[in-house]
Structure formats: C-alpha cells, structure tokens
Amino acid sequence: MGILDNLRAEMKALESESCHNGYWYCISDVLILITSGMLCGIQRIDDIYDWVESAPTRRFIAEQFGIKKIPCRAQVYNTKLQ
C-alpha cells in the first residue's frame, strides 16, 4: 500500500459526512485537500483552496483520491473535528 493509499484510508476512518448550510460533504475530502496542500508547502487555507481549484490539481485529486467534487471555500473553512 502506497503513501497515498495510507493517507486515504486514515482520512476515511474519520467521520464520513458533515452538513454545512444544507450541503453535504465529506470531512475526509477536506482533510485530504488541506494535507495535500500542506505537503506541497502551502501554509494558508486561502492559498490551499486556490491551489486546489487549479485544473492540474483537480485532475490529480480526482485521479489519486477519487474526489470529483471539490467542497466550496466555506466548507473548507468551517470543517470542525468533533
């Protein structure tokens, strides 16, 4: 099992879904996006989100993690682990 598979498995072990203003999204997806951005040396959430929105990154995230729909900026900011 590679590092990306390990990361995906660990993130999926967390709570699987959360609600933000009536929209459902996976907390694990948000954590994968933030962790990936941090591993690329990006430190601010705003910058990570902008990076995630780029076409090459979206393609990578979809291929490696199966995340086809990127959570909106508010969902990324408001993710809370309980």
C-alpha atoms as a PDB file:
ATOM      1  CA  MET A   1       0.000   0.000   0.000  1.00  0.00           C
ATOM      2  CA  GLY A   2       1.466   3.352  -1.051  1.00  0.00           C
ATOM      3  CA  ILE A   3       1.558   6.588   0.900  1.00  0.00           C
ATOM      4  CA  LEU A   4      -1.487   7.986  -0.919  1.00  0.00           C
ATOM      5  CA  ASP A   5      -3.480   4.853  -0.130  1.00  0.00           C
ATOM      6  CA  ASN A   6      -2.453   5.087   3.531  1.00  0.00           C
ATOM      7  CA  LEU A   7      -3.460   8.745   3.666  1.00  0.00           C
ATOM      8  CA  ARG A   8      -6.816   7.992   2.056  1.00  0.00           C
ATOM      9  CA  ALA A   9      -7.503   5.111   4.477  1.00  0.00           C
ATOM     10  CA  GLU A  10      -6.645   7.208   7.534  1.00  0.00           C
ATOM     11  CA  MET A  11      -8.825  10.106   6.397  1.00  0.00           C
ATOM     12  CA  LYS A  12     -11.766   7.808   5.600  1.00  0.00           C
ATOM     13  CA  ALA A  13     -11.622   6.479   9.171  1.00  0.00           C
ATOM     14  CA  LEU A  14     -12.877   9.884  10.348  1.00  0.00           C
ATOM     15  CA  GLU A  15     -16.495  10.974  10.334  1.00  0.00           C
ATOM     16  CA  SER A  16     -17.621  10.478   6.747  1.00  0.00           C
ATOM     17  CA  GLU A  17     -20.023  13.354   6.192  1.00  0.00           C
ATOM     18  CA  SER A  18     -20.945  16.722   7.602  1.00  0.00           C
ATOM     19  CA  CYS A  19     -23.578  19.335   6.785  1.00  0.00           C
ATOM     20  CA  HIS A  20     -22.845  22.981   6.051  1.00  0.00           C
ATOM     21  CA  ASN A  21     -25.837  25.181   5.297  1.00  0.00           C
ATOM     22  CA  GLY A  22     -27.780  22.231   3.954  1.00  0.00           C
ATOM     23  CA  TYR A  23     -24.996  20.875   1.714  1.00  0.00           C
ATOM     24  CA  TRP A  24     -23.345  17.540   2.490  1.00  0.00           C
ATOM     25  CA  TYR A  25     -19.624  16.933   2.069  1.00  0.00           C
ATOM     26  CA  CYS A  26     -17.010  14.515   3.366  1.00  0.00           C
ATOM     27  CA  ILE A  27     -14.754  15.790   6.110  1.00  0.00           C
ATOM     28  CA  SER A  28     -12.131  13.328   4.916  1.00  0.00           C
ATOM     29  CA  ASP A  29     -12.146  15.032   1.480  1.00  0.00           C
ATOM     30  CA  VAL A  30     -11.465  18.407   3.077  1.00  0.00           C
ATOM     31  CA  LEU A  31      -8.672  16.954   5.209  1.00  0.00           C
ATOM     32  CA  ILE A  32      -7.082  15.293   2.191  1.00  0.00           C
ATOM     33  CA  LEU A  33      -7.139  18.606   0.302  1.00  0.00           C
ATOM     34  CA  ILE A  34      -5.630  20.544   3.211  1.00  0.00           C
ATOM     35  CA  THR A  35      -2.993  17.890   3.934  1.00  0.00           C
ATOM     36  CA  SER A  36      -2.024  17.678   0.251  1.00  0.00           C
ATOM     37  CA  GLY A  37      -1.633  21.444   0.078  1.00  0.00           C
ATOM     38  CA  MET A  38       0.480  21.487   3.232  1.00  0.00           C
ATOM     39  CA  LEU A  39       2.709  18.716   1.852  1.00  0.00           C
ATOM     40  CA  CYS A  40       3.269  20.968  -1.170  1.00  0.00           C
ATOM     41  CA  GLY A  41       4.480  23.727   1.142  1.00  0.00           C
ATOM     42  CA  ILE A  42       1.327  25.872   1.090  1.00  0.00           C
ATOM     43  CA  GLN A  43       0.609  27.319   4.509  1.00  0.00           C
ATOM     44  CA  ARG A  44      -2.573  29.403   4.279  1.00  0.00           C
ATOM     45  CA  ILE A  45      -6.053  27.919   3.805  1.00  0.00           C
ATOM     46  CA  ASP A  46      -6.856  30.588   1.176  1.00  0.00           C
ATOM     47  CA  ASP A  47      -3.780  29.617  -0.817  1.00  0.00           C
ATOM     48  CA  ILE A  48      -4.516  25.894  -0.450  1.00  0.00           C
ATOM     49  CA  TYR A  49      -8.051  26.407  -1.726  1.00  0.00           C
ATOM     50  CA  ASP A  50      -6.804  28.437  -4.713  1.00  0.00           C
ATOM     51  CA  TRP A  51      -4.271  25.670  -5.441  1.00  0.00           C
ATOM     52  CA  VAL A  52      -6.994  23.003  -5.236  1.00  0.00           C
ATOM     53  CA  GLU A  53      -9.131  24.965  -7.714  1.00  0.00           C
ATOM     54  CA  SER A  54      -6.425  24.811 -10.411  1.00  0.00           C
ATOM     55  CA  ALA A  55      -7.038  22.332 -13.240  1.00  0.00           C
ATOM     56  CA  PRO A  56      -3.864  20.233 -12.717  1.00  0.00           C
ATOM     57  CA  THR A  57      -4.545  19.864  -9.001  1.00  0.00           C
ATOM     58  CA  ARG A  58      -8.209  18.993  -9.545  1.00  0.00           C
ATOM     59  CA  ARG A  59      -7.131  16.300 -12.003  1.00  0.00           C
ATOM     60  CA  PHE A  60      -4.569  14.923  -9.521  1.00  0.00           C
ATOM     61  CA  ILE A  61      -7.077  14.934  -6.637  1.00  0.00           C
ATOM     62  CA  ALA A  62      -9.681  13.161  -8.780  1.00  0.00           C
ATOM     63  CA  GLU A  63      -7.224  10.526 -10.034  1.00  0.00           C
ATOM     64  CA  GLN A  64      -5.427   9.819  -6.753  1.00  0.00           C
ATOM     65  CA  PHE A  65      -8.197  10.286  -4.185  1.00  0.00           C
ATOM     66  CA  GLY A  66     -11.410   9.961  -6.178  1.00  0.00           C
ATOM     67  CA  ILE A  67     -12.579  13.433  -5.125  1.00  0.00           C
ATOM     68  CA  LYS A  68     -14.609  14.590  -8.132  1.00  0.00           C
ATOM     69  CA  LYS A  69     -16.413  17.498  -6.453  1.00  0.00           C
ATOM     70  CA  ILE A  70     -14.279  19.982  -4.539  1.00  0.00           C
ATOM     71  CA  PRO A  71     -16.047  21.289  -1.407  1.00  0.00           C
ATOM     72  CA  CYS A  72     -16.727  25.030  -1.508  1.00  0.00           C
ATOM     73  CA  ARG A  73     -14.453  27.507   0.269  1.00  0.00           C
ATOM     74  CA  ALA A  74     -16.890  27.894   3.205  1.00  0.00           C
ATOM     75  CA  GLN A  75     -16.943  24.134   3.768  1.00  0.00           C
ATOM     76  CA  VAL A  76     -13.147  24.044   3.874  1.00  0.00           C
ATOM     77  CA  TYR A  77     -13.036  26.913   6.372  1.00  0.00           C
ATOM     78  CA  ASN A  78     -15.791  25.544   8.592  1.00  0.00           C
ATOM     79  CA  THR A  79     -14.720  21.911   8.900  1.00  0.00           C
ATOM     80  CA  LYS A  80     -14.534  21.026  12.590  1.00  0.00           C
ATOM     81  CA  LEU A  81     -13.472  17.727  14.013  1.00  0.00           C
ATOM     82  CA  GLN A  82     -15.533  16.594  16.955  1.00  0.00           C
END
